[in-house]
Amino acid sequence: MSDRRATISDVAMAAGVSKTTVSRFINGQADRISPATRRRIERAIKSTHFHPSSAARSLKARGNDIICLIVPTFEAPSVGAFLQHASHALINAGHTAVILGPCDTPEALGKQHAVLAGMNPAGILIAGNLSQDDLKTLMSGVLAPILPYANDTGEKAASTLLSMMAEAE
């Protein structure tokens, strides 16, 4: 037997249904699924020894409170203090601060874009300078208020972003 943890994909394959159908079943939307399909999913969950990931469920549930702090490079001497002050201000306002970086190569930029797009953050704070092209690449398809770097303290930048988010609601 493999040490690998079963995933929704494993359950879907075993039940002969889509991952979306398994997700609906797990998230309490079983009324939208036929009784025969529910039974197949239940059997597949037992046979694969599937257990929902509490980390994944937590991220999904809290997705709307995540604020991403994008760091193009960690080389600037003021980045550490900026991130510390911005993170504290965001956490004190009830958000989860997630720091992504660096974005200083095309490969890193692409990886950070994939992570960012998957997070669906409530807001984005750019903690440094990015070219317009890099900013477009990073933000492609991401729908969230964005505050590009300003020469503010981290606390002031976080406050400005939170105000932008409140206005966007």
N, C-alpha and C. Protein backbone atom coordinates (compact mmCIF):
# COMPACT_ATOMS: atom_id res chain seq x y z
N MET A 1 0.84 -1.20 0.00
CA MET A 1 0.00 0.00 0.00
C MET A 1 0.87 1.25 0.00
N SER A 2 0.49 2.23 -0.74
CA SER A 2 1.25 3.47 -0.88
C SER A 2 1.09 4.35 0.35
N ASP A 3 2.14 5.13 0.64
CA ASP A 3 2.08 6.08 1.74
C ASP A 3 1.41 7.38 1.31
N ARG A 4 1.11 7.51 0.02
CA ARG A 4 0.50 8.72 -0.52
C ARG A 4 -0.93 8.85 -0.03
N ARG A 5 -1.29 10.03 0.36
CA ARG A 5 -2.64 10.32 0.83
C ARG A 5 -3.61 10.40 -0.35
N ALA A 6 -4.78 9.77 -0.23
CA ALA A 6 -5.78 9.80 -1.28
C ALA A 6 -6.29 11.23 -1.48
N THR A 7 -6.58 11.57 -2.73
CA THR A 7 -7.07 12.90 -3.08
C THR A 7 -8.48 12.81 -3.65
N ILE A 8 -9.09 13.97 -3.84
CA ILE A 8 -10.41 14.01 -4.49
C ILE A 8 -10.32 13.38 -5.87
N SER A 9 -9.21 13.57 -6.56
CA SER A 9 -9.05 12.96 -7.89
C SER A 9 -9.11 11.44 -7.80
N ASP A 10 -8.49 10.86 -6.77
CA ASP A 10 -8.53 9.41 -6.58
C ASP A 10 -9.96 8.93 -6.36
N VAL A 11 -10.69 9.65 -5.52
CA VAL A 11 -12.08 9.29 -5.24
C VAL A 11 -12.92 9.40 -6.51
N ALA A 12 -12.73 10.49 -7.26
CA ALA A 12 -13.49 10.69 -8.49
C ALA A 12 -13.22 9.57 -9.49
N MET A 13 -11.97 9.19 -9.62
CA MET A 13 -11.62 8.12 -10.56
C MET A 13 -12.26 6.80 -10.12
N ALA A 14 -12.17 6.50 -8.82
CA ALA A 14 -12.73 5.25 -8.31
C ALA A 14 -14.25 5.21 -8.44
N ALA A 15 -14.90 6.36 -8.32
CA ALA A 15 -16.37 6.43 -8.39
C ALA A 15 -16.87 6.63 -9.82
N GLY A 16 -15.96 6.99 -10.72
CA GLY A 16 -16.37 7.25 -12.10
C GLY A 16 -17.14 8.54 -12.26
N VAL A 17 -16.77 9.55 -11.48
CA VAL A 17 -17.43 10.86 -11.54
C VAL A 17 -16.37 11.95 -11.62
N SER A 18 -16.79 13.19 -11.75
CA SER A 18 -15.86 14.31 -11.81
C SER A 18 -15.41 14.73 -10.40
N LYS A 19 -14.29 15.45 -10.35
CA LYS A 19 -13.82 16.00 -9.07
C LYS A 19 -14.85 16.97 -8.51
N THR A 20 -15.53 17.70 -9.38
CA THR A 20 -16.55 18.65 -8.93
C THR A 20 -17.68 17.93 -8.20
N THR A 21 -18.09 16.77 -8.72
CA THR A 21 -19.16 16.01 -8.07
C THR A 21 -18.71 15.52 -6.70
N VAL A 22 -17.48 15.04 -6.59
CA VAL A 22 -16.96 14.60 -5.29
C VAL A 22 -16.88 15.78 -4.34
N SER A 23 -16.43 16.93 -4.83
CA SER A 23 -16.34 18.12 -3.99
C SER A 23 -17.72 18.52 -3.48
N ARG A 24 -18.72 18.49 -4.34
CA ARG A 24 -20.09 18.81 -3.90
C ARG A 24 -20.53 17.85 -2.81
N PHE A 25 -20.26 16.58 -2.98
CA PHE A 25 -20.63 15.57 -1.99
C PHE A 25 -19.97 15.87 -0.64
N ILE A 26 -18.67 16.12 -0.68
CA ILE A 26 -17.90 16.36 0.55
C ILE A 26 -18.34 17.65 1.24
N ASN A 27 -18.73 18.64 0.45
CA ASN A 27 -19.09 19.95 1.01
C ASN A 27 -20.58 20.11 1.29
N GLY A 28 -21.29 18.98 1.40
CA GLY A 28 -22.68 19.03 1.84
C GLY A 28 -23.69 19.42 0.79
N GLN A 29 -23.35 19.28 -0.47
CA GLN A 29 -24.29 19.60 -1.55
C GLN A 29 -24.76 18.31 -2.22
N ALA A 30 -24.91 17.25 -1.42
CA ALA A 30 -25.28 15.94 -1.95
C ALA A 30 -26.69 15.93 -2.54
N ASP A 31 -27.54 16.88 -2.16
CA ASP A 31 -28.90 16.92 -2.70
C ASP A 31 -28.90 17.16 -4.21
N ARG A 32 -27.79 17.63 -4.75
CA ARG A 32 -27.66 17.88 -6.18
C ARG A 32 -27.12 16.66 -6.92
N ILE A 33 -26.92 15.54 -6.18
CA ILE A 33 -26.31 14.34 -6.75
C ILE A 33 -27.30 13.18 -6.60
N SER A 34 -27.41 12.35 -7.62
CA SER A 34 -28.36 11.23 -7.57
C SER A 34 -27.95 10.24 -6.46
N PRO A 35 -28.94 9.52 -5.91
CA PRO A 35 -28.64 8.54 -4.86
C PRO A 35 -27.62 7.48 -5.31
N ALA A 36 -27.71 7.02 -6.54
CA ALA A 36 -26.77 6.01 -7.03
C ALA A 36 -25.34 6.57 -7.06
N THR A 37 -25.20 7.81 -7.49
CA THR A 37 -23.88 8.44 -7.54
C THR A 37 -23.34 8.67 -6.14
N ARG A 38 -24.21 9.07 -5.21
CA ARG A 38 -23.78 9.26 -3.82
C ARG A 38 -23.22 7.95 -3.26
N ARG A 39 -23.91 6.83 -3.55
CA ARG A 39 -23.44 5.53 -3.04
C ARG A 39 -22.07 5.18 -3.64
N ARG A 40 -21.88 5.47 -4.93
CA ARG A 40 -20.58 5.20 -5.56
C ARG A 40 -19.48 6.03 -4.92
N ILE A 41 -19.79 7.29 -4.63
CA ILE A 41 -18.79 8.16 -4.00
C ILE A 41 -18.48 7.66 -2.59
N GLU A 42 -19.51 7.28 -1.84
CA GLU A 42 -19.28 6.75 -0.48
C GLU A 42 -18.38 5.52 -0.52
N ARG A 43 -18.64 4.60 -1.46
CA ARG A 43 -17.80 3.39 -1.58
C ARG A 43 -16.38 3.78 -1.97
N ALA A 44 -16.24 4.74 -2.88
CA ALA A 44 -14.90 5.17 -3.32
C ALA A 44 -14.13 5.82 -2.17
N ILE A 45 -14.82 6.60 -1.35
CA ILE A 45 -14.16 7.23 -0.20
C ILE A 45 -13.63 6.16 0.75
N LYS A 46 -14.45 5.14 1.00
CA LYS A 46 -14.01 4.04 1.89
C LYS A 46 -12.86 3.25 1.28
N SER A 47 -12.98 2.92 0.00
CA SER A 47 -11.96 2.07 -0.62
C SER A 47 -10.62 2.79 -0.79
N THR A 48 -10.65 4.12 -0.95
CA THR A 48 -9.40 4.88 -1.11
C THR A 48 -8.87 5.39 0.23
N HIS A 49 -9.65 5.21 1.29
CA HIS A 49 -9.28 5.72 2.63
C HIS A 49 -9.09 7.24 2.59
N PHE A 50 -9.98 7.91 1.83
CA PHE A 50 -9.90 9.35 1.67
C PHE A 50 -10.35 10.07 2.93
N HIS A 51 -9.59 11.09 3.31
CA HIS A 51 -9.95 12.01 4.41
C HIS A 51 -9.70 13.42 3.90
N PRO A 52 -10.71 14.29 3.95
CA PRO A 52 -10.50 15.66 3.47
C PRO A 52 -9.34 16.33 4.19
N SER A 53 -8.56 17.09 3.47
CA SER A 53 -7.44 17.82 4.03
C SER A 53 -7.95 19.03 4.82
N SER A 54 -7.66 19.06 6.10
CA SER A 54 -8.10 20.20 6.90
C SER A 54 -7.40 21.48 6.46
N ALA A 55 -6.16 21.36 6.00
CA ALA A 55 -5.45 22.56 5.53
C ALA A 55 -6.12 23.13 4.28
N ALA A 56 -6.48 22.25 3.34
CA ALA A 56 -7.14 22.72 2.12
C ALA A 56 -8.50 23.32 2.43
N ARG A 57 -9.25 22.67 3.30
CA ARG A 57 -10.58 23.19 3.66
C ARG A 57 -10.45 24.53 4.37
N SER A 58 -9.44 24.67 5.21
CA SER A 58 -9.22 25.93 5.93
C SER A 58 -8.89 27.04 4.95
N LEU A 59 -8.01 26.75 3.99
CA LEU A 59 -7.65 27.77 3.00
C LEU A 59 -8.86 28.17 2.18
N LYS A 60 -9.67 27.21 1.77
CA LYS A 60 -10.85 27.52 0.97
C LYS A 60 -11.82 28.37 1.78
N ALA A 61 -12.05 27.97 3.04
CA ALA A 61 -13.00 28.69 3.88
C ALA A 61 -12.53 30.11 4.17
N ARG A 62 -11.22 30.27 4.29
CA ARG A 62 -10.69 31.58 4.65
C ARG A 62 -10.19 32.35 3.44
N GLY A 63 -10.42 31.84 2.24
CA GLY A 63 -9.88 32.46 1.04
C GLY A 63 -10.18 33.94 0.92
N ASN A 64 -11.36 34.37 1.39
CA ASN A 64 -11.73 35.76 1.24
C ASN A 64 -11.00 36.70 2.17
N ASP A 65 -10.29 36.19 3.16
CA ASP A 65 -9.58 37.08 4.07
C ASP A 65 -8.07 37.10 3.78
N ILE A 66 -7.64 36.41 2.75
CA ILE A 66 -6.21 36.35 2.44
C ILE A 66 -5.78 37.61 1.68
N ILE A 67 -4.72 38.22 2.17
CA ILE A 67 -4.08 39.34 1.48
C ILE A 67 -2.68 38.88 1.12
N CYS A 68 -2.34 38.96 -0.16
CA CYS A 68 -1.01 38.57 -0.61
C CYS A 68 -0.09 39.78 -0.64
N LEU A 69 1.05 39.61 -0.05
CA LEU A 69 2.10 40.62 -0.12
C LEU A 69 3.14 40.07 -1.10
N ILE A 70 3.22 40.69 -2.26
CA ILE A 70 4.12 40.24 -3.31
C ILE A 70 5.46 40.96 -3.16
N VAL A 71 6.54 40.18 -3.11
CA VAL A 71 7.88 40.74 -2.94
C VAL A 71 8.69 40.44 -4.20
N PRO A 72 8.93 41.46 -5.05
CA PRO A 72 9.70 41.21 -6.25
C PRO A 72 11.13 40.72 -5.96
N THR A 73 11.75 41.28 -4.95
CA THR A 73 13.09 40.85 -4.53
C THR A 73 13.25 41.12 -3.04
N PHE A 74 14.01 40.27 -2.40
CA PHE A 74 14.25 40.44 -0.97
C PHE A 74 15.52 41.22 -0.68
N GLU A 75 16.16 41.73 -1.73
CA GLU A 75 17.46 42.39 -1.58
C GLU A 75 17.39 43.79 -1.01
N ALA A 76 16.27 44.48 -1.17
CA ALA A 76 16.16 45.85 -0.67
C ALA A 76 16.19 45.83 0.86
N PRO A 77 16.97 46.71 1.47
CA PRO A 77 17.11 46.69 2.93
C PRO A 77 15.82 46.99 3.69
N SER A 78 14.89 47.70 3.08
CA SER A 78 13.67 48.08 3.80
C SER A 78 12.55 47.05 3.69
N VAL A 79 12.75 45.98 2.89
CA VAL A 79 11.68 45.01 2.65
C VAL A 79 11.24 44.32 3.93
N GLY A 80 12.17 43.90 4.76
CA GLY A 80 11.83 43.19 5.99
C GLY A 80 10.93 44.00 6.90
N ALA A 81 11.29 45.24 7.15
CA ALA A 81 10.48 46.10 8.02
C ALA A 81 9.12 46.38 7.40
N PHE A 82 9.10 46.61 6.08
CA PHE A 82 7.84 46.86 5.38
C PHE A 82 6.90 45.67 5.56
N LEU A 83 7.41 44.46 5.30
CA LEU A 83 6.59 43.25 5.41
C LEU A 83 6.10 43.03 6.84
N GLN A 84 6.97 43.26 7.79
CA GLN A 84 6.58 43.07 9.19
C GLN A 84 5.44 44.01 9.57
N HIS A 85 5.57 45.28 9.24
CA HIS A 85 4.54 46.26 9.61
C HIS A 85 3.24 46.02 8.83
N ALA A 86 3.36 45.72 7.54
CA ALA A 86 2.15 45.46 6.74
C ALA A 86 1.45 44.20 7.24
N SER A 87 2.21 43.14 7.50
CA SER A 87 1.61 41.88 7.99
C SER A 87 0.88 42.10 9.30
N HIS A 88 1.50 42.79 10.24
CA HIS A 88 0.85 43.04 11.53
C HIS A 88 -0.44 43.85 11.36
N ALA A 89 -0.40 44.86 10.51
CA ALA A 89 -1.60 45.69 10.29
C ALA A 89 -2.72 44.85 9.67
N LEU A 90 -2.39 43.98 8.73
CA LEU A 90 -3.40 43.14 8.09
C LEU A 90 -3.96 42.11 9.06
N ILE A 91 -3.10 41.49 9.84
CA ILE A 91 -3.54 40.51 10.83
C ILE A 91 -4.42 41.17 11.88
N ASN A 92 -4.04 42.35 12.33
CA ASN A 92 -4.85 43.08 13.32
C ASN A 92 -6.21 43.47 12.76
N ALA A 93 -6.31 43.57 11.43
CA ALA A 93 -7.59 43.89 10.79
C ALA A 93 -8.39 42.62 10.46
N GLY A 94 -7.89 41.46 10.89
CA GLY A 94 -8.63 40.21 10.71
C GLY A 94 -8.32 39.45 9.44
N HIS A 95 -7.24 39.80 8.77
CA HIS A 95 -6.87 39.13 7.53
C HIS A 95 -5.71 38.17 7.75
N THR A 96 -5.49 37.31 6.78
CA THR A 96 -4.34 36.42 6.77
C THR A 96 -3.35 36.98 5.76
N ALA A 97 -2.15 37.27 6.21
CA ALA A 97 -1.12 37.82 5.32
C ALA A 97 -0.28 36.67 4.77
N VAL A 98 -0.17 36.60 3.44
CA VAL A 98 0.63 35.58 2.78
C VAL A 98 1.68 36.30 1.94
N ILE A 99 2.93 35.96 2.18
CA ILE A 99 4.03 36.61 1.46
C ILE A 99 4.47 35.71 0.31
N LEU A 100 4.50 36.26 -0.90
CA LEU A 100 4.95 35.55 -2.10
C LEU A 100 6.15 36.26 -2.70
N GLY A 101 7.16 35.52 -3.04
CA GLY A 101 8.31 36.10 -3.70
C GLY A 101 9.43 35.10 -3.71
N PRO A 102 10.49 35.40 -4.36
CA PRO A 102 10.71 36.58 -5.19
C PRO A 102 10.08 36.42 -6.57
N CYS A 103 10.03 37.50 -7.30
CA CYS A 103 9.50 37.53 -8.67
C CYS A 103 10.54 38.16 -9.58
N ASP A 104 11.80 37.78 -9.39
CA ASP A 104 12.88 38.46 -10.09
C ASP A 104 13.39 37.74 -11.33
N THR A 105 12.77 36.62 -11.71
CA THR A 105 13.09 35.94 -12.96
C THR A 105 11.77 35.57 -13.64
N PRO A 106 11.79 35.35 -14.94
CA PRO A 106 10.54 34.93 -15.61
C PRO A 106 9.97 33.64 -15.03
N GLU A 107 10.82 32.69 -14.64
CA GLU A 107 10.36 31.44 -14.07
C GLU A 107 9.68 31.69 -12.72
N ALA A 108 10.31 32.48 -11.88
CA ALA A 108 9.74 32.78 -10.56
C ALA A 108 8.44 33.55 -10.71
N LEU A 109 8.40 34.48 -11.66
CA LEU A 109 7.19 35.25 -11.91
C LEU A 109 6.03 34.33 -12.30
N GLY A 110 6.31 33.36 -13.18
CA GLY A 110 5.29 32.41 -13.60
C GLY A 110 4.79 31.55 -12.45
N LYS A 111 5.70 31.10 -11.61
CA LYS A 111 5.30 30.27 -10.46
C LYS A 111 4.47 31.08 -9.47
N GLN A 112 4.87 32.31 -9.21
CA GLN A 112 4.12 33.15 -8.27
C GLN A 112 2.74 33.47 -8.84
N HIS A 113 2.64 33.66 -10.15
CA HIS A 113 1.33 33.90 -10.78
C HIS A 113 0.42 32.71 -10.56
N ALA A 114 0.94 31.49 -10.74
CA ALA A 114 0.13 30.28 -10.56
C ALA A 114 -0.37 30.17 -9.12
N VAL A 115 0.48 30.46 -8.16
CA VAL A 115 0.09 30.41 -6.75
C VAL A 115 -0.97 31.48 -6.46
N LEU A 116 -0.73 32.67 -6.94
CA LEU A 116 -1.64 33.79 -6.71
C LEU A 116 -3.01 33.51 -7.31
N ALA A 117 -3.05 33.01 -8.54
CA ALA A 117 -4.32 32.72 -9.20
C ALA A 117 -5.09 31.64 -8.45
N GLY A 118 -4.38 30.68 -7.87
CA GLY A 118 -5.04 29.62 -7.12
C GLY A 118 -5.55 30.05 -5.76
N MET A 119 -5.01 31.10 -5.22
CA MET A 119 -5.41 31.58 -3.88
C MET A 119 -6.68 32.40 -3.88
N ASN A 120 -6.94 33.08 -4.96
CA ASN A 120 -8.08 33.99 -5.03
C ASN A 120 -8.09 34.95 -3.83
N PRO A 121 -7.03 35.75 -3.67
CA PRO A 121 -6.93 36.62 -2.50
C PRO A 121 -7.94 37.77 -2.54
N ALA A 122 -8.20 38.31 -1.38
CA ALA A 122 -9.11 39.46 -1.27
C ALA A 122 -8.41 40.75 -1.67
N GLY A 123 -7.10 40.78 -1.58
CA GLY A 123 -6.34 41.97 -1.94
C GLY A 123 -4.87 41.62 -2.14
N ILE A 124 -4.16 42.51 -2.83
CA ILE A 124 -2.76 42.28 -3.15
C ILE A 124 -1.98 43.56 -2.91
N LEU A 125 -0.89 43.42 -2.19
CA LEU A 125 -0.01 44.54 -1.90
C LEU A 125 1.36 44.21 -2.49
N ILE A 126 1.82 45.05 -3.41
CA ILE A 126 3.12 44.83 -4.04
C ILE A 126 4.17 45.54 -3.20
N ALA A 127 5.06 44.78 -2.60
CA ALA A 127 6.08 45.33 -1.69
C ALA A 127 7.40 45.50 -2.44
N GLY A 128 7.40 46.36 -3.42
CA GLY A 128 8.59 46.60 -4.22
C GLY A 128 8.18 47.04 -5.61
N ASN A 129 9.15 47.25 -6.45
CA ASN A 129 8.88 47.73 -7.81
C ASN A 129 8.86 46.58 -8.81
N LEU A 130 7.83 46.56 -9.64
CA LEU A 130 7.72 45.62 -10.76
C LEU A 130 7.51 46.43 -12.03
N SER A 131 8.07 45.95 -13.13
CA SER A 131 7.81 46.62 -14.40
C SER A 131 6.34 46.43 -14.75
N GLN A 132 5.82 47.27 -15.63
CA GLN A 132 4.42 47.14 -16.06
C GLN A 132 4.17 45.77 -16.68
N ASP A 133 5.13 45.28 -17.49
CA ASP A 133 4.97 43.97 -18.11
C ASP A 133 4.93 42.86 -17.07
N ASP A 134 5.83 42.93 -16.08
CA ASP A 134 5.85 41.91 -15.03
C ASP A 134 4.57 41.97 -14.20
N LEU A 135 4.08 43.17 -13.94
CA LEU A 135 2.84 43.34 -13.18
C LEU A 135 1.66 42.73 -13.95
N LYS A 136 1.60 42.96 -15.26
CA LYS A 136 0.54 42.38 -16.09
C LYS A 136 0.61 40.86 -16.08
N THR A 137 1.82 40.32 -16.20
CA THR A 137 2.00 38.86 -16.17
C THR A 137 1.55 38.28 -14.84
N LEU A 138 1.96 38.89 -13.76
CA LEU A 138 1.64 38.40 -12.42
C LEU A 138 0.14 38.47 -12.13
N MET A 139 -0.51 39.52 -12.59
CA MET A 139 -1.91 39.76 -12.24
C MET A 139 -2.91 39.24 -13.27
N SER A 140 -2.44 38.67 -14.37
CA SER A 140 -3.33 38.19 -15.42
C SER A 140 -4.38 37.23 -14.85
N GLY A 141 -5.64 37.63 -14.99
CA GLY A 141 -6.74 36.79 -14.54
C GLY A 141 -7.03 36.85 -13.05
N VAL A 142 -6.28 37.63 -12.30
CA VAL A 142 -6.49 37.75 -10.86
C VAL A 142 -7.41 38.94 -10.60
N LEU A 143 -8.53 38.68 -9.93
CA LEU A 143 -9.49 39.74 -9.66
C LEU A 143 -9.45 40.11 -8.19
N ALA A 144 -8.68 41.09 -7.86
CA ALA A 144 -8.57 41.57 -6.49
C ALA A 144 -8.02 42.99 -6.54
N PRO A 145 -8.39 43.81 -5.55
CA PRO A 145 -7.77 45.14 -5.49
C PRO A 145 -6.26 45.01 -5.32
N ILE A 146 -5.52 45.80 -6.08
CA ILE A 146 -4.07 45.74 -6.07
C ILE A 146 -3.52 47.11 -5.71
N LEU A 147 -2.59 47.14 -4.76
CA LEU A 147 -1.90 48.38 -4.44
C LEU A 147 -0.43 48.20 -4.81
N PRO A 148 -0.01 48.78 -5.94
CA PRO A 148 1.41 48.71 -6.29
C PRO A 148 2.22 49.47 -5.25
N TYR A 149 3.48 49.19 -5.21
CA TYR A 149 4.38 49.78 -4.23
C TYR A 149 4.31 51.30 -4.22
N ALA A 150 4.18 51.82 -3.03
CA ALA A 150 4.27 53.26 -2.81
C ALA A 150 5.31 53.46 -1.71
N ASN A 151 5.88 54.60 -1.65
CA ASN A 151 6.90 54.84 -0.64
C ASN A 151 6.27 55.14 0.70
N ASP A 152 5.43 54.22 1.16
CA ASP A 152 4.77 54.34 2.45
C ASP A 152 5.35 53.31 3.41
N THR A 153 5.02 53.45 4.66
CA THR A 153 5.36 52.41 5.61
C THR A 153 4.45 51.22 5.33
N GLY A 154 4.81 50.06 5.80
CA GLY A 154 3.98 48.88 5.61
C GLY A 154 2.60 49.06 6.21
N GLU A 155 2.55 49.69 7.37
CA GLU A 155 1.26 49.91 8.04
C GLU A 155 0.37 50.83 7.22
N LYS A 156 0.94 51.90 6.68
CA LYS A 156 0.18 52.85 5.86
C LYS A 156 -0.29 52.18 4.56
N ALA A 157 0.59 51.40 3.93
CA ALA A 157 0.21 50.71 2.69
C ALA A 157 -0.92 49.72 2.95
N ALA A 158 -0.85 48.98 4.06
CA ALA A 158 -1.91 48.03 4.41
C ALA A 158 -3.22 48.75 4.63
N SER A 159 -3.17 49.87 5.32
CA SER A 159 -4.37 50.66 5.58
C SER A 159 -4.99 51.16 4.28
N THR A 160 -4.16 51.62 3.35
CA THR A 160 -4.64 52.10 2.05
C THR A 160 -5.30 50.96 1.28
N LEU A 161 -4.68 49.77 1.28
CA LEU A 161 -5.25 48.62 0.58
C LEU A 161 -6.59 48.22 1.20
N LEU A 162 -6.68 48.19 2.51
CA LEU A 162 -7.94 47.84 3.18
C LEU A 162 -9.04 48.84 2.83
N SER A 163 -8.69 50.10 2.72
CA SER A 163 -9.67 51.12 2.32
C SER A 163 -10.13 50.89 0.88
N MET A 164 -9.19 50.54 0.00
CA MET A 164 -9.54 50.24 -1.40
C MET A 164 -10.49 49.05 -1.46
N MET A 165 -10.21 48.04 -0.64
CA MET A 165 -11.06 46.84 -0.63
C MET A 165 -12.46 47.16 -0.14
N ALA A 166 -12.55 48.00 0.88
CA ALA A 166 -13.86 48.37 1.43
C ALA A 166 -14.67 49.14 0.38
N GLU A 167 -14.01 50.00 -0.37
CA GLU A 167 -14.69 50.77 -1.42
C GLU A 167 -15.16 49.88 -2.56
N ALA A 168 -14.41 48.80 -2.81
CA ALA A 168 -14.74 47.89 -3.92
C ALA A 168 -15.92 46.99 -3.60
N GLU A 169 -16.28 46.84 -2.34
CA GLU A 169 -17.38 45.93 -1.95
C GLU A 169 -18.73 46.47 -2.33
